[in-house]
Amino acid sequence: MQKLKIGIVLSVFSLLLLSCSKKVHPSANENKSEEEVVVKKENTVITEKEKTSVVKTNSKKLFPKVITVNDAAAQKSVDGRLYYDVMNHRYWKNYKDGKYYLYNKSMYKNPDFKPRDN
């Protein structure tokens, strides 16, 4: 009798464990009919030029041109300048105002981005 009770308890416990481990992730297109999805895919044609323009406009919106960062979080380059990387975008420190600016070719010639000699 004891073995039967223990067997039933273990069976119920294992069923609960197994049933809770199954996760269901509904897809985004579950509520739409297949015809709507196919029509949307057929009508949308994106060229390579449009793809690059979308990426460029999105990256400009996501990353500001100027940020403020603690110097302890920044890294030092070989020539002594401080920089900070955010998702493959590099910001260089302007020593005149202390802010970090998104990379620009003119930064190499600008004396404000070179560290002061102490």
PDB file of N, CA and C in Angstrom:
ATOM      1  N   MET A   1       0.822  -1.193   0.000  1.00  0.00           N
ATOM      2  CA  MET A   1       0.000   0.000   0.000  1.00  0.00           C
ATOM      3  C   MET A   1       0.870   1.262   0.000  1.00  0.00           C
ATOM      4  N   GLN A   2       1.962   1.231   0.793  1.00  0.00           N
ATOM      5  CA  GLN A   2       2.868   2.363   0.863  1.00  0.00           C
ATOM      6  C   GLN A   2       3.535   2.608  -0.497  1.00  0.00           C
ATOM      7  N   LYS A   3       3.939   1.556  -1.164  1.00  0.00           N
ATOM      8  CA  LYS A   3       4.609   1.681  -2.455  1.00  0.00           C
ATOM      9  C   LYS A   3       3.658   2.246  -3.502  1.00  0.00           C
ATOM     10  N   LEU A   4       2.383   1.898  -3.405  1.00  0.00           N
ATOM     11  CA  LEU A   4       1.391   2.408  -4.345  1.00  0.00           C
ATOM     12  C   LEU A   4       1.204   3.916  -4.171  1.00  0.00           C
ATOM     13  N   LYS A   5       1.128   4.386  -2.923  1.00  0.00           N
ATOM     14  CA  LYS A   5       0.975   5.819  -2.644  1.00  0.00           C
ATOM     15  C   LYS A   5       2.208   6.600  -3.116  1.00  0.00           C
ATOM     16  N   ILE A   6       3.371   6.076  -2.841  1.00  0.00           N
ATOM     17  CA  ILE A   6       4.608   6.750  -3.273  1.00  0.00           C
ATOM     18  C   ILE A   6       4.679   6.783  -4.795  1.00  0.00           C
ATOM     19  N   GLY A   7       4.266   5.694  -5.448  1.00  0.00           N
ATOM     20  CA  GLY A   7       4.259   5.640  -6.916  1.00  0.00           C
ATOM     21  C   GLY A   7       3.302   6.651  -7.510  1.00  0.00           C
ATOM     22  N   ILE A   8       2.135   6.811  -6.903  1.00  0.00           N
ATOM     23  CA  ILE A   8       1.150   7.789  -7.402  1.00  0.00           C
ATOM     24  C   ILE A   8       1.677   9.210  -7.217  1.00  0.00           C
ATOM     25  N   VAL A   9       2.248   9.507  -6.056  1.00  0.00           N
ATOM     26  CA  VAL A   9       2.796  10.849  -5.789  1.00  0.00           C
ATOM     27  C   VAL A   9       3.927  11.157  -6.767  1.00  0.00           C
ATOM     28  N   LEU A  10       4.814  10.223  -6.988  1.00  0.00           N
ATOM     29  CA  LEU A  10       5.913  10.446  -7.936  1.00  0.00           C
ATOM     30  C   LEU A  10       5.400  10.619  -9.359  1.00  0.00           C
ATOM     31  N   SER A  11       4.374   9.883  -9.737  1.00  0.00           N
ATOM     32  CA  SER A  11       3.800  10.010 -11.084  1.00  0.00           C
ATOM     33  C   SER A  11       3.185  11.387 -11.284  1.00  0.00           C
ATOM     34  N   VAL A  12       2.418  11.845 -10.294  1.00  0.00           N
ATOM     35  CA  VAL A  12       1.791  13.174 -10.389  1.00  0.00           C
ATOM     36  C   VAL A  12       2.869  14.254 -10.431  1.00  0.00           C
ATOM     37  N   PHE A  13       3.875  14.133  -9.589  1.00  0.00           N
ATOM     38  CA  PHE A  13       4.958  15.111  -9.558  1.00  0.00           C
ATOM     39  C   PHE A  13       5.706  15.159 -10.891  1.00  0.00           C
ATOM     40  N   SER A  14       5.996  13.999 -11.465  1.00  0.00           N
ATOM     41  CA  SER A  14       6.721  13.974 -12.744  1.00  0.00           C
ATOM     42  C   SER A  14       5.859  14.529 -13.878  1.00  0.00           C
ATOM     43  N   LEU A  15       4.547  14.256 -13.867  1.00  0.00           N
ATOM     44  CA  LEU A  15       3.656  14.833 -14.889  1.00  0.00           C
ATOM     45  C   LEU A  15       3.608  16.345 -14.786  1.00  0.00           C
ATOM     46  N   LEU A  16       3.546  16.869 -13.572  1.00  0.00           N
ATOM     47  CA  LEU A  16       3.566  18.325 -13.386  1.00  0.00           C
ATOM     48  C   LEU A  16       4.868  18.924 -13.890  1.00  0.00           C
ATOM     49  N   LEU A  17       5.954  18.272 -13.575  1.00  0.00           N
ATOM     50  CA  LEU A  17       7.254  18.766 -14.021  1.00  0.00           C
ATOM     51  C   LEU A  17       7.354  18.782 -15.538  1.00  0.00           C
ATOM     52  N   LEU A  18       6.929  17.723 -16.174  1.00  0.00           N
ATOM     53  CA  LEU A  18       7.013  17.638 -17.633  1.00  0.00           C
ATOM     54  C   LEU A  18       6.056  18.613 -18.311  1.00  0.00           C
ATOM     55  N   SER A  19       4.887  18.802 -17.751  1.00  0.00           N
ATOM     56  CA  SER A  19       3.919  19.695 -18.391  1.00  0.00           C
ATOM     57  C   SER A  19       4.332  21.159 -18.253  1.00  0.00           C
ATOM     58  N   CYS A  20       5.029  21.512 -17.208  1.00  0.00           N
ATOM     59  CA  CYS A  20       5.459  22.896 -17.010  1.00  0.00           C
ATOM     60  C   CYS A  20       6.671  23.253 -17.858  1.00  0.00           C
ATOM     61  N   SER A  21       7.419  22.270 -18.290  1.00  0.00           N
ATOM     62  CA  SER A  21       8.625  22.560 -19.050  1.00  0.00           C
ATOM     63  C   SER A  21       8.347  22.874 -20.509  1.00  0.00           C
ATOM     64  N   LYS A  22       7.164  22.574 -20.990  1.00  0.00           N
ATOM     65  CA  LYS A  22       6.837  22.838 -22.396  1.00  0.00           C
ATOM     66  C   LYS A  22       6.386  24.277 -22.540  1.00  0.00           C
ATOM     67  N   LYS A  23       7.067  25.009 -23.380  1.00  0.00           N
ATOM     68  CA  LYS A  23       6.720  26.405 -23.609  1.00  0.00           C
ATOM     69  C   LYS A  23       6.168  26.565 -25.012  1.00  0.00           C
ATOM     70  N   VAL A  24       5.187  27.422 -25.161  1.00  0.00           N
ATOM     71  CA  VAL A  24       4.574  27.673 -26.454  1.00  0.00           C
ATOM     72  C   VAL A  24       4.791  29.138 -26.789  1.00  0.00           C
ATOM     73  N   HIS A  25       5.399  29.377 -27.931  1.00  0.00           N
ATOM     74  CA  HIS A  25       5.639  30.738 -28.408  1.00  0.00           C
ATOM     75  C   HIS A  25       4.838  30.932 -29.690  1.00  0.00           C
ATOM     76  N   PRO A  26       3.715  31.617 -29.619  1.00  0.00           N
ATOM     77  CA  PRO A  26       2.918  31.821 -30.831  1.00  0.00           C
ATOM     78  C   PRO A  26       3.647  32.754 -31.797  1.00  0.00           C
ATOM     79  N   SER A  27       3.476  32.493 -33.062  1.00  0.00           N
ATOM     80  CA  SER A  27       4.134  33.332 -34.061  1.00  0.00           C
ATOM     81  C   SER A  27       3.347  34.623 -34.256  1.00  0.00           C
ATOM     82  N   ALA A  28       3.996  35.601 -34.850  1.00  0.00           N
ATOM     83  CA  ALA A  28       3.355  36.892 -35.080  1.00  0.00           C
ATOM     84  C   ALA A  28       2.267  36.790 -36.140  1.00  0.00           C
ATOM     85  N   ASN A  29       2.398  35.839 -37.057  1.00  0.00           N
ATOM     86  CA  ASN A  29       1.453  35.694 -38.154  1.00  0.00           C
ATOM     87  C   ASN A  29       0.321  34.718 -37.835  1.00  0.00           C
ATOM     88  N   GLU A  30       0.180  34.325 -36.598  1.00  0.00           N
ATOM     89  CA  GLU A  30      -0.819  33.326 -36.241  1.00  0.00           C
ATOM     90  C   GLU A  30      -2.239  33.834 -36.474  1.00  0.00           C
ATOM     91  N   ASN A  31      -2.490  35.094 -36.201  1.00  0.00           N
ATOM     92  CA  ASN A  31      -3.836  35.651 -36.337  1.00  0.00           C
ATOM     93  C   ASN A  31      -4.176  36.004 -37.785  1.00  0.00           C
ATOM     94  N   LYS A  32      -3.181  36.131 -38.632  1.00  0.00           N
ATOM     95  CA  LYS A  32      -3.412  36.508 -40.022  1.00  0.00           C
ATOM     96  C   LYS A  32      -3.593  35.261 -40.867  1.00  0.00           C
ATOM     97  N   SER A  33      -4.355  35.410 -41.912  1.00  0.00           N
ATOM     98  CA  SER A  33      -4.509  34.275 -42.813  1.00  0.00           C
ATOM     99  C   SER A  33      -3.270  34.166 -43.697  1.00  0.00           C
ATOM    100  N   GLU A  34      -3.062  33.008 -44.281  1.00  0.00           N
ATOM    101  CA  GLU A  34      -1.881  32.793 -45.112  1.00  0.00           C
ATOM    102  C   GLU A  34      -1.910  33.661 -46.360  1.00  0.00           C
ATOM    103  N   GLU A  35      -3.086  33.975 -46.861  1.00  0.00           N
ATOM    104  CA  GLU A  35      -3.193  34.800 -48.063  1.00  0.00           C
ATOM    105  C   GLU A  35      -2.668  36.202 -47.807  1.00  0.00           C
ATOM    106  N   GLU A  36      -2.978  36.779 -46.648  1.00  0.00           N
ATOM    107  CA  GLU A  36      -2.506  38.123 -46.331  1.00  0.00           C
ATOM    108  C   GLU A  36      -0.987  38.169 -46.262  1.00  0.00           C
ATOM    109  N   VAL A  37      -0.394  37.174 -45.644  1.00  0.00           N
ATOM    110  CA  VAL A  37       1.053  37.127 -45.516  1.00  0.00           C
ATOM    111  C   VAL A  37       1.708  36.996 -46.881  1.00  0.00           C
ATOM    112  N   VAL A  38       1.185  36.146 -47.753  1.00  0.00           N
ATOM    113  CA  VAL A  38       1.735  35.945 -49.084  1.00  0.00           C
ATOM    114  C   VAL A  38       1.603  37.216 -49.906  1.00  0.00           C
ATOM    115  N   VAL A  39       0.470  37.889 -49.825  1.00  0.00           N
ATOM    116  CA  VAL A  39       0.265  39.123 -50.584  1.00  0.00           C
ATOM    117  C   VAL A  39       1.265  40.180 -50.142  1.00  0.00           C
ATOM    118  N   LYS A  40       1.496  40.309 -48.845  1.00  0.00           N
ATOM    119  CA  LYS A  40       2.456  41.296 -48.361  1.00  0.00           C
ATOM    120  C   LYS A  40       3.863  40.982 -48.847  1.00  0.00           C
ATOM    121  N   LYS A  41       4.233  39.720 -48.863  1.00  0.00           N
ATOM    122  CA  LYS A  41       5.568  39.339 -49.316  1.00  0.00           C
ATOM    123  C   LYS A  41       5.731  39.581 -50.813  1.00  0.00           C
ATOM    124  N   GLU A  42       4.699  39.350 -51.598  1.00  0.00           N
ATOM    125  CA  GLU A  42       4.790  39.520 -53.041  1.00  0.00           C
ATOM    126  C   GLU A  42       4.843  40.993 -53.432  1.00  0.00           C
ATOM    127  N   ASN A  43       4.121  41.848 -52.727  1.00  0.00           N
ATOM    128  CA  ASN A  43       4.052  43.264 -53.082  1.00  0.00           C
ATOM    129  C   ASN A  43       5.278  44.052 -52.631  1.00  0.00           C
ATOM    130  N   THR A  44       6.044  43.554 -51.695  1.00  0.00           N
ATOM    131  CA  THR A  44       7.185  44.277 -51.173  1.00  0.00           C
ATOM    132  C   THR A  44       8.444  43.868 -51.918  1.00  0.00           C
ATOM    133  N   VAL A  45       9.057  44.853 -52.600  1.00  0.00           N
ATOM    134  CA  VAL A  45      10.320  44.619 -53.282  1.00  0.00           C
ATOM    135  C   VAL A  45      11.289  45.689 -52.808  1.00  0.00           C
ATOM    136  N   ILE A  46      12.390  45.263 -52.197  1.00  0.00           N
ATOM    137  CA  ILE A  46      13.380  46.201 -51.680  1.00  0.00           C
ATOM    138  C   ILE A  46      14.675  46.000 -52.444  1.00  0.00           C
ATOM    139  N   THR A  47      15.203  47.079 -53.011  1.00  0.00           N
ATOM    140  CA  THR A  47      16.459  46.991 -53.749  1.00  0.00           C
ATOM    141  C   THR A  47      17.621  47.159 -52.772  1.00  0.00           C
ATOM    142  N   GLU A  48      18.832  46.883 -53.238  1.00  0.00           N
ATOM    143  CA  GLU A  48      20.027  47.016 -52.401  1.00  0.00           C
ATOM    144  C   GLU A  48      20.220  48.463 -51.970  1.00  0.00           C
ATOM    145  N   LYS A  49      19.903  49.399 -52.851  1.00  0.00           N
ATOM    146  CA  LYS A  49      20.070  50.811 -52.539  1.00  0.00           C
ATOM    147  C   LYS A  49      19.139  51.219 -51.395  1.00  0.00           C
ATOM    148  N   GLU A  50      17.913  50.720 -51.417  1.00  0.00           N
ATOM    149  CA  GLU A  50      16.968  51.034 -50.355  1.00  0.00           C
ATOM    150  C   GLU A  50      17.393  50.404 -49.036  1.00  0.00           C
ATOM    151  N   LYS A  51      17.968  49.204 -49.093  1.00  0.00           N
ATOM    152  CA  LYS A  51      18.416  48.547 -47.862  1.00  0.00           C
ATOM    153  C   LYS A  51      19.490  49.369 -47.172  1.00  0.00           C
ATOM    154  N   THR A  52      20.455  49.860 -47.940  1.00  0.00           N
ATOM    155  CA  THR A  52      21.528  50.634 -47.324  1.00  0.00           C
ATOM    156  C   THR A  52      21.016  51.962 -46.794  1.00  0.00           C
ATOM    157  N   SER A  53      20.059  52.580 -47.479  1.00  0.00           N
ATOM    158  CA  SER A  53      19.540  53.854 -46.990  1.00  0.00           C
ATOM    159  C   SER A  53      18.748  53.659 -45.712  1.00  0.00           C
ATOM    160  N   VAL A  54      18.046  52.544 -45.595  1.00  0.00           N
ATOM    161  CA  VAL A  54      17.300  52.271 -44.365  1.00  0.00           C
ATOM    162  C   VAL A  54      18.265  52.076 -43.201  1.00  0.00           C
ATOM    163  N   VAL A  55      19.341  51.367 -43.430  1.00  0.00           N
ATOM    164  CA  VAL A  55      20.312  51.136 -42.368  1.00  0.00           C
ATOM    165  C   VAL A  55      20.950  52.447 -41.942  1.00  0.00           C
ATOM    166  N   LYS A  56      21.292  53.292 -42.891  1.00  0.00           N
ATOM    167  CA  LYS A  56      21.932  54.557 -42.561  1.00  0.00           C
ATOM    168  C   LYS A  56      20.996  55.464 -41.776  1.00  0.00           C
ATOM    169  N   THR A  57      19.749  55.567 -42.199  1.00  0.00           N
ATOM    170  CA  THR A  57      18.838  56.461 -41.490  1.00  0.00           C
ATOM    171  C   THR A  57      18.528  55.932 -40.100  1.00  0.00           C
ATOM    172  N   ASN A  58      18.411  54.620 -39.934  1.00  0.00           N
ATOM    173  CA  ASN A  58      18.142  54.069 -38.617  1.00  0.00           C
ATOM    174  C   ASN A  58      19.320  54.271 -37.676  1.00  0.00           C
ATOM    175  N   SER A  59      20.550  54.105 -38.173  1.00  0.00           N
ATOM    176  CA  SER A  59      21.707  54.253 -37.302  1.00  0.00           C
ATOM    177  C   SER A  59      21.877  55.705 -36.870  1.00  0.00           C
ATOM    178  N   LYS A  60      21.507  56.655 -37.704  1.00  0.00           N
ATOM    179  CA  LYS A  60      21.608  58.060 -37.320  1.00  0.00           C
ATOM    180  C   LYS A  60      20.596  58.380 -36.226  1.00  0.00           C
ATOM    181  N   LYS A  61      19.437  57.784 -36.297  1.00  0.00           N
ATOM    182  CA  LYS A  61      18.416  58.061 -35.300  1.00  0.00           C
ATOM    183  C   LYS A  61      18.748  57.411 -33.965  1.00  0.00           C
ATOM    184  N   LEU A  62      19.374  56.240 -33.998  1.00  0.00           N
ATOM    185  CA  LEU A  62      19.628  55.511 -32.770  1.00  0.00           C
ATOM    186  C   LEU A  62      20.807  56.060 -31.984  1.00  0.00           C
ATOM    187  N   PHE A  63      21.802  56.590 -32.658  1.00  0.00           N
ATOM    188  CA  PHE A  63      23.011  57.019 -31.987  1.00  0.00           C
ATOM    189  C   PHE A  63      23.149  58.533 -32.050  1.00  0.00           C
ATOM    190  N   PRO A  64      23.209  59.174 -30.886  1.00  0.00           N
ATOM    191  CA  PRO A  64      23.372  60.626 -30.873  1.00  0.00           C
ATOM    192  C   PRO A  64      24.785  61.016 -31.286  1.00  0.00           C
ATOM    193  N   LYS A  65      24.957  62.235 -31.719  1.00  0.00           N
ATOM    194  CA  LYS A  65      26.271  62.702 -32.151  1.00  0.00           C
ATOM    195  C   LYS A  65      27.167  63.043 -30.963  1.00  0.00           C
ATOM    196  N   VAL A  66      26.565  63.417 -29.829  1.00  0.00           N
ATOM    197  CA  VAL A  66      27.340  63.815 -28.657  1.00  0.00           C
ATOM    198  C   VAL A  66      26.825  63.058 -27.441  1.00  0.00           C
ATOM    199  N   ILE A  67      27.758  62.502 -26.653  1.00  0.00           N
ATOM    200  CA  ILE A  67      27.380  61.829 -25.411  1.00  0.00           C
ATOM    201  C   ILE A  67      28.322  62.277 -24.301  1.00  0.00           C
ATOM    202  N   THR A  68      27.920  62.047 -23.058  1.00  0.00           N
ATOM    203  CA  THR A  68      28.769  62.330 -21.911  1.00  0.00           C
ATOM    204  C   THR A  68      29.065  61.009 -21.215  1.00  0.00           C
ATOM    205  N   VAL A  69      30.350  60.721 -21.053  1.00  0.00           N
ATOM    206  CA  VAL A  69      30.786  59.447 -20.484  1.00  0.00           C
ATOM    207  C   VAL A  69      31.818  59.726 -19.403  1.00  0.00           C
ATOM    208  N   ASN A  70      31.806  58.916 -18.366  1.00  0.00           N
ATOM    209  CA  ASN A  70      32.837  58.995 -17.342  1.00  0.00           C
ATOM    210  C   ASN A  70      34.157  58.536 -17.962  1.00  0.00           C
ATOM    211  N   ASP A  71      35.240  59.247 -17.697  1.00  0.00           N
ATOM    212  CA  ASP A  71      36.534  58.912 -18.304  1.00  0.00           C
ATOM    213  C   ASP A  71      37.051  57.548 -17.842  1.00  0.00           C
ATOM    214  N   ALA A  72      36.592  57.071 -16.701  1.00  0.00           N
ATOM    215  CA  ALA A  72      37.020  55.754 -16.225  1.00  0.00           C
ATOM    216  C   ALA A  72      36.457  54.649 -17.111  1.00  0.00           C
ATOM    217  N   ALA A  73      35.325  54.893 -17.768  1.00  0.00           N
ATOM    218  CA  ALA A  73      34.714  53.892 -18.643  1.00  0.00           C
ATOM    219  C   ALA A  73      35.319  53.920 -20.048  1.00  0.00           C
ATOM    220  N   ALA A  74      35.994  55.002 -20.385  1.00  0.00           N
ATOM    221  CA  ALA A  74      36.573  55.141 -21.722  1.00  0.00           C
ATOM    222  C   ALA A  74      37.889  54.369 -21.821  1.00  0.00           C
ATOM    223  N   GLN A  75      38.316  54.141 -23.067  1.00  0.00           N
ATOM    224  CA  GLN A  75      39.578  53.442 -23.317  1.00  0.00           C
ATOM    225  C   GLN A  75      40.548  54.418 -23.964  1.00  0.00           C
ATOM    226  N   LYS A  76      41.832  54.101 -23.845  1.00  0.00           N
ATOM    227  CA  LYS A  76      42.863  54.967 -24.397  1.00  0.00           C
ATOM    228  C   LYS A  76      43.403  54.382 -25.681  1.00  0.00           C
ATOM    229  N   SER A  77      43.562  55.218 -26.700  1.00  0.00           N
ATOM    230  CA  SER A  77      44.148  54.759 -27.957  1.00  0.00           C
ATOM    231  C   SER A  77      45.671  54.812 -27.857  1.00  0.00           C
ATOM    232  N   VAL A  78      46.345  54.419 -28.912  1.00  0.00           N
ATOM    233  CA  VAL A  78      47.804  54.383 -28.925  1.00  0.00           C
ATOM    234  C   VAL A  78      48.395  55.774 -28.771  1.00  0.00           C
ATOM    235  N   ASP A  79      47.762  56.772 -29.386  1.00  0.00           N
ATOM    236  CA  ASP A  79      48.297  58.127 -29.314  1.00  0.00           C
ATOM    237  C   ASP A  79      47.821  58.893 -28.072  1.00  0.00           C
ATOM    238  N   GLY A  80      47.105  58.249 -27.161  1.00  0.00           N
ATOM    239  CA  GLY A  80      46.737  58.871 -25.898  1.00  0.00           C
ATOM    240  C   GLY A  80      45.347  59.467 -25.836  1.00  0.00           C
ATOM    241  N   ARG A  81      44.611  59.417 -26.933  1.00  0.00           N
ATOM    242  CA  ARG A  81      43.250  59.972 -26.936  1.00  0.00           C
ATOM    243  C   ARG A  81      42.282  58.989 -26.293  1.00  0.00           C
ATOM    244  N   LEU A  82      41.235  59.539 -25.684  1.00  0.00           N
ATOM    245  CA  LEU A  82      40.213  58.698 -25.080  1.00  0.00           C
ATOM    246  C   LEU A  82      39.075  58.465 -26.060  1.00  0.00           C
ATOM    247  N   TYR A  83      38.561  57.231 -26.068  1.00  0.00           N
ATOM    248  CA  TYR A  83      37.415  56.905 -26.916  1.00  0.00           C
ATOM    249  C   TYR A  83      36.488  55.962 -26.178  1.00  0.00           C
ATOM    250  N   TYR A  84      35.253  55.892 -26.661  1.00  0.00           N
ATOM    251  CA  TYR A  84      34.238  55.020 -26.055  1.00  0.00           C
ATOM    252  C   TYR A  84      33.446  54.382 -27.180  1.00  0.00           C
ATOM    253  N   ASP A  85      33.308  53.047 -27.144  1.00  0.00           N
ATOM    254  CA  ASP A  85      32.592  52.309 -28.183  1.00  0.00           C
ATOM    255  C   ASP A  85      31.200  51.941 -27.706  1.00  0.00           C
ATOM    256  N   VAL A  86      30.207  52.179 -28.581  1.00  0.00           N
ATOM    257  CA  VAL A  86      28.833  51.766 -28.319  1.00  0.00           C
ATOM    258  C   VAL A  86      28.331  51.071 -29.571  1.00  0.00           C
ATOM    259  N   MET A  87      28.151  49.746 -29.506  1.00  0.00           N
ATOM    260  CA  MET A  87      27.618  48.954 -30.610  1.00  0.00           C
ATOM    261  C   MET A  87      28.259  49.315 -31.954  1.00  0.00           C
ATOM    262  N   ASN A  88      29.563  49.205 -32.023  1.00  0.00           N
ATOM    263  CA  ASN A  88      30.355  49.456 -33.234  1.00  0.00           C
ATOM    264  C   ASN A  88      30.346  50.911 -33.684  1.00  0.00           C
ATOM    265  N   HIS A  89      30.005  51.822 -32.801  1.00  0.00           N
ATOM    266  CA  HIS A  89      30.126  53.252 -33.084  1.00  0.00           C
ATOM    267  C   HIS A  89      31.119  53.822 -32.087  1.00  0.00           C
ATOM    268  N   ARG A  90      32.110  54.532 -32.588  1.00  0.00           N
ATOM    269  CA  ARG A  90      33.174  55.035 -31.730  1.00  0.00           C
ATOM    270  C   ARG A  90      32.990  56.531 -31.487  1.00  0.00           C
ATOM    271  N   TYR A  91      33.081  56.892 -30.220  1.00  0.00           N
ATOM    272  CA  TYR A  91      33.001  58.285 -29.791  1.00  0.00           C
ATOM    273  C   TYR A  91      34.370  58.695 -29.267  1.00  0.00           C
ATOM    274  N   TRP A  92      34.857  59.874 -29.697  1.00  0.00           N
ATOM    275  CA  TRP A  92      36.154  60.385 -29.272  1.00  0.00           C
ATOM    276  C   TRP A  92      35.946  61.569 -28.340  1.00  0.00           C
ATOM    277  N   LYS A  93      36.816  61.692 -27.351  1.00  0.00           N
ATOM    278  CA  LYS A  93      36.677  62.764 -26.364  1.00  0.00           C
ATOM    279  C   LYS A  93      37.221  64.076 -26.910  1.00  0.00           C
ATOM    280  N   ASN A  94      36.421  65.109 -26.708  1.00  0.00           N
ATOM    281  CA  ASN A  94      36.841  66.472 -26.998  1.00  0.00           C
ATOM    282  C   ASN A  94      37.355  67.034 -25.680  1.00  0.00           C
ATOM    283  N   TYR A  95      38.652  67.337 -25.611  1.00  0.00           N
ATOM    284  CA  TYR A  95      39.257  67.775 -24.362  1.00  0.00           C
ATOM    285  C   TYR A  95      38.885  69.214 -24.018  1.00  0.00           C
ATOM    286  N   LYS A  96      38.328  69.944 -24.957  1.00  0.00           N
ATOM    287  CA  LYS A  96      37.940  71.330 -24.685  1.00  0.00           C
ATOM    288  C   LYS A  96      36.664  71.379 -23.848  1.00  0.00           C
ATOM    289  N   ASP A  97      35.646  70.583 -24.202  1.00  0.00           N
ATOM    290  CA  ASP A  97      34.396  70.607 -23.453  1.00  0.00           C
ATOM    291  C   ASP A  97      34.127  69.332 -22.659  1.00  0.00           C
ATOM    292  N   GLY A  98      34.948  68.282 -22.825  1.00  0.00           N
ATOM    293  CA  GLY A  98      34.823  67.065 -22.039  1.00  0.00           C
ATOM    294  C   GLY A  98      33.778  66.086 -22.529  1.00  0.00           C
ATOM    295  N   LYS A  99      33.135  66.355 -23.649  1.00  0.00           N
ATOM    296  CA  LYS A  99      32.110  65.458 -24.182  1.00  0.00           C
ATOM    297  C   LYS A  99      32.723  64.534 -25.230  1.00  0.00           C
ATOM    298  N   TYR A 100      31.993  63.471 -25.528  1.00  0.00           N
ATOM    299  CA  TYR A 100      32.437  62.506 -26.532  1.00  0.00           C
ATOM    300  C   TYR A 100      31.598  62.682 -27.796  1.00  0.00           C
ATOM    301  N   TYR A 101      32.283  62.770 -28.940  1.00  0.00           N
ATOM    302  CA  TYR A 101      31.620  63.011 -30.227  1.00  0.00           C
ATOM    303  C   TYR A 101      31.761  61.789 -31.119  1.00  0.00           C
ATOM    304  N   LEU A 102      30.714  61.518 -31.899  1.00  0.00           N
ATOM    305  CA  LEU A 102      30.723  60.412 -32.847  1.00  0.00           C
ATOM    306  C   LEU A 102      31.852  60.622 -33.849  1.00  0.00           C
ATOM    307  N   TYR A 103      32.515  59.547 -34.253  1.00  0.00           N
ATOM    308  CA  TYR A 103      33.694  59.616 -35.110  1.00  0.00           C
ATOM    309  C   TYR A 103      33.440  60.452 -36.357  1.00  0.00           C
ATOM    310  N   ASN A 104      34.424  61.263 -36.691  1.00  0.00           N
ATOM    311  CA  ASN A 104      34.379  62.131 -37.849  1.00  0.00           C
ATOM    312  C   ASN A 104      35.818  62.266 -38.350  1.00  0.00           C
ATOM    313  N   LYS A 105      36.026  62.315 -39.657  1.00  0.00           N
ATOM    314  CA  LYS A 105      37.385  62.387 -40.208  1.00  0.00           C
ATOM    315  C   LYS A 105      38.127  63.648 -39.776  1.00  0.00           C
ATOM    316  N   SER A 106      37.413  64.728 -39.539  1.00  0.00           N
ATOM    317  CA  SER A 106      38.059  65.986 -39.176  1.00  0.00           C
ATOM    318  C   SER A 106      38.623  65.971 -37.758  1.00  0.00           C
ATOM    319  N   MET A 107      38.351  64.949 -36.987  1.00  0.00           N
ATOM    320  CA  MET A 107      38.829  64.897 -35.606  1.00  0.00           C
ATOM    321  C   MET A 107      40.349  64.753 -35.527  1.00  0.00           C
ATOM    322  N   TYR A 108      40.965  64.149 -36.518  1.00  0.00           N
ATOM    323  CA  TYR A 108      42.411  63.966 -36.476  1.00  0.00           C
ATOM    324  C   TYR A 108      43.164  65.283 -36.583  1.00  0.00           C
ATOM    325  N   LYS A 109      42.610  66.239 -37.308  1.00  0.00           N
ATOM    326  CA  LYS A 109      43.275  67.529 -37.481  1.00  0.00           C
ATOM    327  C   LYS A 109      42.890  68.540 -36.400  1.00  0.00           C
ATOM    328  N   ASN A 110      41.785  68.309 -35.719  1.00  0.00           N
ATOM    329  CA  ASN A 110      41.287  69.248 -34.728  1.00  0.00           C
ATOM    330  C   ASN A 110      42.098  69.119 -33.431  1.00  0.00           C
ATOM    331  N   PRO A 111      42.703  70.194 -32.941  1.00  0.00           N
ATOM    332  CA  PRO A 111      43.515  70.115 -31.713  1.00  0.00           C
ATOM    333  C   PRO A 111      42.676  69.869 -30.454  1.00  0.00           C
ATOM    334  N   ASP A 112      41.377  70.099 -30.507  1.00  0.00           N
ATOM    335  CA  ASP A 112      40.530  69.880 -29.336  1.00  0.00           C
ATOM    336  C   ASP A 112      40.415  68.391 -28.984  1.00  0.00           C
ATOM    337  N   PHE A 113      40.657  67.517 -29.935  1.00  0.00           N
ATOM    338  CA  PHE A 113      40.553  66.080 -29.699  1.00  0.00           C
ATOM    339  C   PHE A 113      41.890  65.441 -29.329  1.00  0.00           C
ATOM    340  N   LYS A 114      42.941  66.230 -29.245  1.00  0.00           N
ATOM    341  CA  LYS A 114      44.254  65.708 -28.831  1.00  0.00           C
ATOM    342  C   LYS A 114      44.448  65.999 -27.348  1.00  0.00           C
ATOM    343  N   PRO A 115      44.987  65.046 -26.603  1.00  0.00           N
ATOM    344  CA  PRO A 115      45.164  65.260 -25.157  1.00  0.00           C
ATOM    345  C   PRO A 115      46.201  66.341 -24.879  1.00  0.00           C
ATOM    346  N   ARG A 116      45.989  67.048 -23.795  1.00  0.00           N
ATOM    347  CA  ARG A 116      46.944  68.091 -23.404  1.00  0.00           C
ATOM    348  C   ARG A 116      48.164  67.421 -22.783  1.00  0.00           C
ATOM    349  N   ASP A 117      49.310  67.994 -23.031  1.00  0.00           N
ATOM    350  CA  ASP A 117      50.548  67.475 -22.418  1.00  0.00           C
ATOM    351  C   ASP A 117      50.637  67.999 -21.000  1.00  0.00           C
ATOM    352  N   ASN A 118      50.747  67.065 -20.061  1.00  0.00           N
ATOM    353  CA  ASN A 118      50.849  67.481 -18.647  1.00  0.00           C
ATOM    354  C   ASN A 118      52.269  67.415 -18.178  1.00  0.00           C
TER     355      ASN A 118
END
